[in-house]
Amino acid sequence: MTIRGARPLRLLAVAIVLGLAATTPLVAQQPTPPAPARLNYVNADLRDVIRSLADLLGLNVVLNNVPATRITFTTTTPVPAAQLGVVLESILESNGLVLVMEGPIARVMPQSQRPSTVAIRVGTDLPSPPPIGLVSQLVPLTSIRAEEAVALLRQIAPPTARIEAVQRSNAVLITDRGVNVARYLELLSQFDVSNTGEAGLRTYVYRLKHASAEELATTLSELFGIQYSGSSGRA
C-alpha cells in the first residue's frame, strides 16, 4: 500500500532539520595558547633573531637601521609564550635598539632615533605581561608631589628613560620600555599612599569671626585630650 505525499513529507522533514542546523549558533573554539619554545640562536644575524621572535609573538616587524650584528642566545629550558616579549626586549636593549608600536606594525630602530613619546596611556597600572616596546604613561598622583615622584624614579631609571613632572595635574609622564614602566608603577604604588598617625599630621589655619582663638584651642584640647599651652596676650 502506497501512501501519497510520503516523499514530500520526507523532504519537508529534511528541510526542517537543515534549517535548524543553519540557525543553531556555532560554539567558538578558544585559540590554543602557544607552547613554550626553546631558543637556540648561535652566531645568528641579529636581524634574523628579531624576526624570529617577532614571528613567535605574532608581530609584523619592520627593521629600521638595525646593524648586521651576529649574536648567540640560547635557553636551557623552554620559554613560556608570556615571557618571549621580555626576551625580545632584553636582546633589543643590549644592542641599543627599541621597539615602537605603530598600529599593526612593530618598528625596531636604534635608541637614538626613537620618538620622544608614543600614544599616551593614563592610569596607575599596566596589563600583565606589560606591553612590548616603548610605552608613554601619564600617572596621576594623590599623596606625593610630582617632583618627588620624578626624583624617586630617576634613581632607578636608565638614562634613556624620559620622566617628567606635570605640575598642573600633579602627575608624572613616563616614556620607557613597557617592562621598565611596570617597575616604576609598582614603586609609585608603595610611596603614593596617604600617611597616618603623627607622620601624616598637617597644619591648617582657620580665621575665626565670632570666637576667641584662645578659648577654642582650650576647648578642643580638652575634647581630644591634647596638652595645650596657651600664649597669653595673643588672640
C-alpha atoms as a PDB file:
ATOM      1  CA  MET A   1       0.000   0.000   0.000  1.00  0.00           C
ATOM      2  CA  THR A   2       1.426   3.365  -1.035  1.00  0.00           C
ATOM      3  CA  ILE A   3       0.736   6.498   0.988  1.00  0.00           C
ATOM      4  CA  ARG A   4       0.568   9.506  -1.209  1.00  0.00           C
ATOM      5  CA  GLY A   5       2.511  12.511  -0.044  1.00  0.00           C
ATOM      6  CA  ALA A   6       5.110  10.465   1.893  1.00  0.00           C
ATOM      7  CA  ARG A   7       8.010  11.743  -0.215  1.00  0.00           C
ATOM      8  CA  PRO A   8       7.044  15.413   0.135  1.00  0.00           C
ATOM      9  CA  LEU A   9       6.738  14.910   3.902  1.00  0.00           C
ATOM     10  CA  ARG A  10      10.207  13.315   3.987  1.00  0.00           C
ATOM     11  CA  LEU A  11      11.636  16.233   2.024  1.00  0.00           C
ATOM     12  CA  LEU A  12       9.924  18.669   4.360  1.00  0.00           C
ATOM     13  CA  ALA A  13      11.454  16.948   7.399  1.00  0.00           C
ATOM     14  CA  VAL A  14      14.922  17.130   5.844  1.00  0.00           C
ATOM     15  CA  ALA A  15      14.415  20.829   5.103  1.00  0.00           C
ATOM     16  CA  ILE A  16      13.381  21.489   8.719  1.00  0.00           C
ATOM     17  CA  VAL A  17      16.477  19.701  10.043  1.00  0.00           C
ATOM     18  CA  LEU A  18      18.719  21.672   7.689  1.00  0.00           C
ATOM     19  CA  GLY A  19      17.019  24.894   8.731  1.00  0.00           C
ATOM     20  CA  LEU A  20      17.595  24.165  12.415  1.00  0.00           C
ATOM     21  CA  ALA A  21      21.228  23.365  11.725  1.00  0.00           C
ATOM     22  CA  ALA A  22      21.642  26.667   9.910  1.00  0.00           C
ATOM     23  CA  THR A  23      20.120  28.680  12.748  1.00  0.00           C
ATOM     24  CA  THR A  24      21.951  26.857  15.575  1.00  0.00           C
ATOM     25  CA  PRO A  25      24.818  29.097  16.776  1.00  0.00           C
ATOM     26  CA  LEU A  26      28.275  27.601  16.457  1.00  0.00           C
ATOM     27  CA  VAL A  27      30.371  27.426  19.619  1.00  0.00           C
ATOM     28  CA  ALA A  28      33.567  29.431  19.071  1.00  0.00           C
ATOM     29  CA  GLN A  29      36.692  27.462  19.818  1.00  0.00           C
ATOM     30  CA  GLN A  30      39.189  29.162  22.068  1.00  0.00           C
ATOM     31  CA  PRO A  31      42.609  29.594  20.414  1.00  0.00           C
ATOM     32  CA  THR A  32      45.258  27.296  21.822  1.00  0.00           C
ATOM     33  CA  PRO A  33      47.970  29.307  23.608  1.00  0.00           C
ATOM     34  CA  PRO A  34      51.417  28.929  22.048  1.00  0.00           C
ATOM     35  CA  ALA A  35      53.535  26.208  23.593  1.00  0.00           C
ATOM     36  CA  PRO A  36      56.779  27.147  25.392  1.00  0.00           C
ATOM     37  CA  ALA A  37      59.676  27.439  22.959  1.00  0.00           C
ATOM     38  CA  ARG A  38      63.342  26.572  23.438  1.00  0.00           C
ATOM     39  CA  LEU A  39      65.508  29.318  21.945  1.00  0.00           C
ATOM     40  CA  ASN A  40      68.818  28.436  20.324  1.00  0.00           C
ATOM     41  CA  TYR A  41      70.485  31.214  18.339  1.00  0.00           C
ATOM     42  CA  VAL A  42      74.195  30.520  17.754  1.00  0.00           C
ATOM     43  CA  ASN A  43      76.203  33.138  15.864  1.00  0.00           C
ATOM     44  CA  ALA A  44      72.941  34.256  14.281  1.00  0.00           C
ATOM     45  CA  ASP A  45      72.235  37.503  12.475  1.00  0.00           C
ATOM     46  CA  LEU A  46      70.590  39.928  14.906  1.00  0.00           C
ATOM     47  CA  ARG A  47      68.015  40.871  12.287  1.00  0.00           C
ATOM     48  CA  ASP A  48      67.010  37.229  11.816  1.00  0.00           C
ATOM     49  CA  VAL A  49      66.739  36.753  15.587  1.00  0.00           C
ATOM     50  CA  ILE A  50      64.420  39.760  15.882  1.00  0.00           C
ATOM     51  CA  ARG A  51      62.260  38.491  13.013  1.00  0.00           C
ATOM     52  CA  SER A  52      62.115  35.022  14.543  1.00  0.00           C
ATOM     53  CA  LEU A  53      60.992  36.273  17.964  1.00  0.00           C
ATOM     54  CA  ALA A  54      58.535  38.707  16.385  1.00  0.00           C
ATOM     55  CA  ASP A  55      57.021  35.803  14.451  1.00  0.00           C
ATOM     56  CA  LEU A  56      56.580  33.822  17.682  1.00  0.00           C
ATOM     57  CA  LEU A  57      54.890  36.868  19.236  1.00  0.00           C
ATOM     58  CA  GLY A  58      52.650  37.452  16.220  1.00  0.00           C
ATOM     59  CA  LEU A  59      54.157  40.869  15.433  1.00  0.00           C
ATOM     60  CA  ASN A  60      54.507  42.446  11.999  1.00  0.00           C
ATOM     61  CA  VAL A  61      58.025  43.736  12.446  1.00  0.00           C
ATOM     62  CA  VAL A  62      59.843  46.335  10.330  1.00  0.00           C
ATOM     63  CA  LEU A  63      63.568  46.936  10.885  1.00  0.00           C
ATOM     64  CA  ASN A  64      64.987  50.449  10.556  1.00  0.00           C
ATOM     65  CA  ASN A  65      68.796  50.827  10.551  1.00  0.00           C
ATOM     66  CA  VAL A  66      69.320  47.606  12.526  1.00  0.00           C
ATOM     67  CA  PRO A  67      73.012  46.632  12.243  1.00  0.00           C
ATOM     68  CA  ALA A  68      74.091  43.282  10.815  1.00  0.00           C
ATOM     69  CA  THR A  69      75.439  42.049  14.144  1.00  0.00           C
ATOM     70  CA  ARG A  70      75.805  38.378  14.997  1.00  0.00           C
ATOM     71  CA  ILE A  71      74.703  37.193  18.444  1.00  0.00           C
ATOM     72  CA  THR A  72      74.421  33.963  20.407  1.00  0.00           C
ATOM     73  CA  PHE A  73      71.429  33.417  22.667  1.00  0.00           C
ATOM     74  CA  THR A  74      70.284  30.027  23.970  1.00  0.00           C
ATOM     75  CA  THR A  75      67.978  28.825  26.735  1.00  0.00           C
ATOM     76  CA  THR A  76      68.322  25.550  28.615  1.00  0.00           C
ATOM     77  CA  THR A  77      64.589  25.304  29.295  1.00  0.00           C
ATOM     78  CA  PRO A  78      61.604  26.254  27.116  1.00  0.00           C
ATOM     79  CA  VAL A  79      60.484  29.870  27.467  1.00  0.00           C
ATOM     80  CA  PRO A  80      56.740  30.399  28.110  1.00  0.00           C
ATOM     81  CA  ALA A  81      54.944  32.447  25.474  1.00  0.00           C
ATOM     82  CA  ALA A  82      54.201  35.179  28.049  1.00  0.00           C
ATOM     83  CA  GLN A  83      57.957  35.689  28.582  1.00  0.00           C
ATOM     84  CA  LEU A  84      59.001  35.902  24.928  1.00  0.00           C
ATOM     85  CA  GLY A  85      58.402  39.653  24.960  1.00  0.00           C
ATOM     86  CA  VAL A  86      60.835  40.028  27.874  1.00  0.00           C
ATOM     87  CA  VAL A  87      63.436  38.055  25.913  1.00  0.00           C
ATOM     88  CA  LEU A  88      62.981  40.260  22.864  1.00  0.00           C
ATOM     89  CA  GLU A  89      63.213  43.417  24.967  1.00  0.00           C
ATOM     90  CA  SER A  90      66.427  42.173  26.599  1.00  0.00           C
ATOM     91  CA  ILE A  91      68.047  41.462  23.227  1.00  0.00           C
ATOM     92  CA  LEU A  92      66.996  44.835  21.843  1.00  0.00           C
ATOM     93  CA  GLU A  93      68.216  46.750  24.897  1.00  0.00           C
ATOM     94  CA  SER A  94      71.612  45.011  24.911  1.00  0.00           C
ATOM     95  CA  ASN A  95      72.069  46.054  21.266  1.00  0.00           C
ATOM     96  CA  GLY A  96      70.929  49.662  21.667  1.00  0.00           C
ATOM     97  CA  LEU A  97      67.580  49.096  19.926  1.00  0.00           C
ATOM     98  CA  VAL A  98      63.979  49.794  20.840  1.00  0.00           C
ATOM     99  CA  LEU A  99      60.610  48.624  19.504  1.00  0.00           C
ATOM    100  CA  VAL A 100      57.857  51.146  18.773  1.00  0.00           C
ATOM    101  CA  MET A 101      54.300  50.012  18.010  1.00  0.00           C
ATOM    102  CA  GLU A 102      52.655  51.973  15.183  1.00  0.00           C
ATOM    103  CA  GLY A 103      49.213  50.479  14.755  1.00  0.00           C
ATOM    104  CA  PRO A 104      49.671  46.914  13.456  1.00  0.00           C
ATOM    105  CA  ILE A 105      53.385  47.491  12.756  1.00  0.00           C
ATOM    106  CA  ALA A 106      56.191  46.883  15.248  1.00  0.00           C
ATOM    107  CA  ARG A 107      59.067  49.104  14.175  1.00  0.00           C
ATOM    108  CA  VAL A 108      62.552  48.331  15.533  1.00  0.00           C
ATOM    109  CA  MET A 109      65.065  51.182  15.455  1.00  0.00           C
ATOM    110  CA  PRO A 110      68.183  52.465  17.244  1.00  0.00           C
ATOM    111  CA  GLN A 111      67.555  54.027  20.641  1.00  0.00           C
ATOM    112  CA  SER A 112      68.892  57.353  19.355  1.00  0.00           C
ATOM    113  CA  GLN A 113      66.185  57.508  16.667  1.00  0.00           C
ATOM    114  CA  ARG A 114      63.190  56.693  18.832  1.00  0.00           C
ATOM    115  CA  PRO A 115      60.332  59.222  19.209  1.00  0.00           C
ATOM    116  CA  SER A 116      60.147  61.284  22.386  1.00  0.00           C
ATOM    117  CA  THR A 117      56.680  59.909  23.196  1.00  0.00           C
ATOM    118  CA  VAL A 118      54.206  57.408  21.781  1.00  0.00           C
ATOM    119  CA  ALA A 119      50.443  57.001  22.266  1.00  0.00           C
ATOM    120  CA  ILE A 120      49.910  58.084  25.883  1.00  0.00           C
ATOM    121  CA  ARG A 121      48.210  55.771  28.352  1.00  0.00           C
ATOM    122  CA  VAL A 122      46.638  57.184  31.516  1.00  0.00           C
ATOM    123  CA  GLY A 123      46.476  55.337  34.813  1.00  0.00           C
ATOM    124  CA  THR A 124      48.432  53.659  37.564  1.00  0.00           C
ATOM    125  CA  ASP A 125      48.704  50.150  36.146  1.00  0.00           C
ATOM    126  CA  LEU A 126      49.602  48.179  33.024  1.00  0.00           C
ATOM    127  CA  PRO A 127      48.386  44.880  31.597  1.00  0.00           C
ATOM    128  CA  SER A 128      50.235  41.724  32.603  1.00  0.00           C
ATOM    129  CA  PRO A 129      52.521  40.921  30.892  1.00  0.00           C
ATOM    130  CA  PRO A 130      53.481  44.543  30.099  1.00  0.00           C
ATOM    131  CA  PRO A 131      53.189  45.834  26.517  1.00  0.00           C
ATOM    132  CA  ILE A 132      56.189  45.172  24.306  1.00  0.00           C
ATOM    133  CA  GLY A 133      58.244  48.157  23.216  1.00  0.00           C
ATOM    134  CA  LEU A 134      58.140  51.829  24.089  1.00  0.00           C
ATOM    135  CA  VAL A 135      55.318  52.991  26.371  1.00  0.00           C
ATOM    136  CA  SER A 136      54.235  56.507  27.389  1.00  0.00           C
ATOM    137  CA  GLN A 137      52.177  56.596  30.590  1.00  0.00           C
ATOM    138  CA  LEU A 138      50.655  59.555  32.433  1.00  0.00           C
ATOM    139  CA  VAL A 139      50.464  58.565  36.098  1.00  0.00           C
ATOM    140  CA  PRO A 140      48.212  60.703  38.366  1.00  0.00           C
ATOM    141  CA  LEU A 141      49.389  61.084  41.958  1.00  0.00           C
ATOM    142  CA  THR A 142      47.315  61.534  45.098  1.00  0.00           C
ATOM    143  CA  SER A 143      49.618  61.785  48.121  1.00  0.00           C
ATOM    144  CA  ILE A 144      53.055  62.868  46.873  1.00  0.00           C
ATOM    145  CA  ARG A 145      54.108  65.735  44.647  1.00  0.00           C
ATOM    146  CA  ALA A 146      55.089  65.172  41.029  1.00  0.00           C
ATOM    147  CA  GLU A 147      58.608  66.482  41.681  1.00  0.00           C
ATOM    148  CA  GLU A 148      59.079  63.944  44.468  1.00  0.00           C
ATOM    149  CA  ALA A 149      57.934  61.116  42.197  1.00  0.00           C
ATOM    150  CA  VAL A 150      60.327  62.199  39.437  1.00  0.00           C
ATOM    151  CA  ALA A 151      63.275  62.308  41.855  1.00  0.00           C
ATOM    152  CA  LEU A 152      62.334  58.846  43.127  1.00  0.00           C
ATOM    153  CA  LEU A 153      62.049  57.223  39.696  1.00  0.00           C
ATOM    154  CA  ARG A 154      65.227  58.748  38.328  1.00  0.00           C
ATOM    155  CA  GLN A 155      67.194  56.839  40.951  1.00  0.00           C
ATOM    156  CA  ILE A 156      66.343  53.528  39.249  1.00  0.00           C
ATOM    157  CA  ALA A 157      65.595  54.583  35.661  1.00  0.00           C
ATOM    158  CA  PRO A 158      68.179  54.236  32.876  1.00  0.00           C
ATOM    159  CA  PRO A 159      69.465  57.406  31.171  1.00  0.00           C
ATOM    160  CA  THR A 160      67.300  56.686  28.127  1.00  0.00           C
ATOM    161  CA  ALA A 161      64.054  56.916  30.132  1.00  0.00           C
ATOM    162  CA  ARG A 162      62.042  60.121  29.881  1.00  0.00           C
ATOM    163  CA  ILE A 163      60.394  61.093  33.184  1.00  0.00           C
ATOM    164  CA  GLU A 164      58.730  64.490  33.537  1.00  0.00           C
ATOM    165  CA  ALA A 165      56.582  66.187  36.154  1.00  0.00           C
ATOM    166  CA  VAL A 166      53.199  67.514  35.055  1.00  0.00           C
ATOM    167  CA  GLN A 167      52.675  70.015  37.857  1.00  0.00           C
ATOM    168  CA  ARG A 168      49.283  71.311  36.779  1.00  0.00           C
ATOM    169  CA  SER A 169      47.636  67.907  37.286  1.00  0.00           C
ATOM    170  CA  ASN A 170      50.175  66.574  39.809  1.00  0.00           C
ATOM    171  CA  ALA A 171      51.115  63.684  37.567  1.00  0.00           C
ATOM    172  CA  VAL A 172      54.219  62.090  36.067  1.00  0.00           C
ATOM    173  CA  LEU A 173      54.702  61.436  32.348  1.00  0.00           C
ATOM    174  CA  ILE A 174      56.917  58.389  31.775  1.00  0.00           C
ATOM    175  CA  THR A 175      58.273  57.139  28.444  1.00  0.00           C
ATOM    176  CA  ASP A 176      60.323  53.948  28.583  1.00  0.00           C
ATOM    177  CA  ARG A 177      60.148  50.246  27.745  1.00  0.00           C
ATOM    178  CA  GLY A 178      56.983  48.568  28.980  1.00  0.00           C
ATOM    179  CA  VAL A 179      58.846  46.230  31.341  1.00  0.00           C
ATOM    180  CA  ASN A 180      60.509  49.241  32.986  1.00  0.00           C
ATOM    181  CA  VAL A 181      57.292  51.258  33.233  1.00  0.00           C
ATOM    182  CA  ALA A 182      55.699  48.339  35.092  1.00  0.00           C
ATOM    183  CA  ARG A 183      58.528  48.543  37.662  1.00  0.00           C
ATOM    184  CA  TYR A 184      58.047  52.307  38.063  1.00  0.00           C
ATOM    185  CA  LEU A 185      54.315  51.902  38.654  1.00  0.00           C
ATOM    186  CA  GLU A 186      54.938  49.246  41.294  1.00  0.00           C
ATOM    187  CA  LEU A 187      57.356  51.557  43.091  1.00  0.00           C
ATOM    188  CA  LEU A 188      54.985  54.536  42.939  1.00  0.00           C
ATOM    189  CA  SER A 189      52.144  52.423  44.355  1.00  0.00           C
ATOM    190  CA  GLN A 190      54.236  51.896  47.500  1.00  0.00           C
ATOM    191  CA  PHE A 191      55.070  55.576  48.001  1.00  0.00           C
ATOM    192  CA  ASP A 192      51.946  57.347  46.759  1.00  0.00           C
ATOM    193  CA  VAL A 193      49.863  56.492  49.821  1.00  0.00           C
ATOM    194  CA  SER A 194      48.197  58.605  52.498  1.00  0.00           C
ATOM    195  CA  ASN A 195      50.154  58.921  55.717  1.00  0.00           C
ATOM    196  CA  THR A 196      48.526  58.132  59.056  1.00  0.00           C
ATOM    197  CA  GLY A 197      49.492  58.925  62.619  1.00  0.00           C
ATOM    198  CA  GLU A 198      51.839  61.717  63.597  1.00  0.00           C
ATOM    199  CA  ALA A 199      53.823  61.341  60.363  1.00  0.00           C
ATOM    200  CA  GLY A 200      50.726  62.353  58.482  1.00  0.00           C
ATOM    201  CA  LEU A 201      49.763  65.378  60.582  1.00  0.00           C
ATOM    202  CA  ARG A 202      49.136  68.605  58.699  1.00  0.00           C
ATOM    203  CA  THR A 203      48.737  72.181  59.859  1.00  0.00           C
ATOM    204  CA  TYR A 204      45.689  74.218  58.839  1.00  0.00           C
ATOM    205  CA  VAL A 205      44.965  77.872  59.640  1.00  0.00           C
ATOM    206  CA  TYR A 206      41.327  78.910  60.205  1.00  0.00           C
ATOM    207  CA  ARG A 207      40.314  82.521  60.734  1.00  0.00           C
ATOM    208  CA  LEU A 208      37.631  82.974  63.388  1.00  0.00           C
ATOM    209  CA  LYS A 209      34.982  85.695  63.239  1.00  0.00           C
ATOM    210  CA  HIS A 210      32.832  85.125  66.314  1.00  0.00           C
ATOM    211  CA  ALA A 211      35.050  83.205  68.744  1.00  0.00           C
ATOM    212  CA  SER A 212      38.244  83.595  70.684  1.00  0.00           C
ATOM    213  CA  ALA A 213      41.091  81.510  69.283  1.00  0.00           C
ATOM    214  CA  GLU A 214      42.486  81.001  72.788  1.00  0.00           C
ATOM    215  CA  GLU A 215      39.179  79.714  74.169  1.00  0.00           C
ATOM    216  CA  LEU A 216      38.543  77.488  71.151  1.00  0.00           C
ATOM    217  CA  ALA A 217      42.039  75.982  71.368  1.00  0.00           C
ATOM    218  CA  THR A 218      41.489  75.237  75.058  1.00  0.00           C
ATOM    219  CA  THR A 219      38.108  73.614  74.391  1.00  0.00           C
ATOM    220  CA  LEU A 220      39.451  71.443  71.551  1.00  0.00           C
ATOM    221  CA  SER A 221      42.432  70.335  73.619  1.00  0.00           C
ATOM    222  CA  GLU A 222      40.090  69.218  76.400  1.00  0.00           C
ATOM    223  CA  LEU A 223      37.832  67.346  73.969  1.00  0.00           C
ATOM    224  CA  PHE A 224      40.674  65.420  72.307  1.00  0.00           C
ATOM    225  CA  GLY A 225      42.887  65.041  75.371  1.00  0.00           C
ATOM    226  CA  ILE A 226      45.740  67.093  73.917  1.00  0.00           C
ATOM    227  CA  GLN A 227      48.061  69.123  76.100  1.00  0.00           C
ATOM    228  CA  TYR A 228      47.858  72.770  75.071  1.00  0.00           C
ATOM    229  CA  SER A 229      49.977  75.670  76.249  1.00  0.00           C
ATOM    230  CA  GLY A 230      48.248  78.953  75.562  1.00  0.00           C
ATOM    231  CA  SER A 231      50.126  82.071  74.577  1.00  0.00           C
ATOM    232  CA  SER A 232      48.997  84.891  76.820  1.00  0.00           C
ATOM    233  CA  GLY A 233      48.227  88.155  75.167  1.00  0.00           C
ATOM    234  CA  ARG A 234      47.523  86.575  71.745  1.00  0.00           C
ATOM    235  CA  ALA A 235      44.077  86.044  70.303  1.00  0.00           C
END
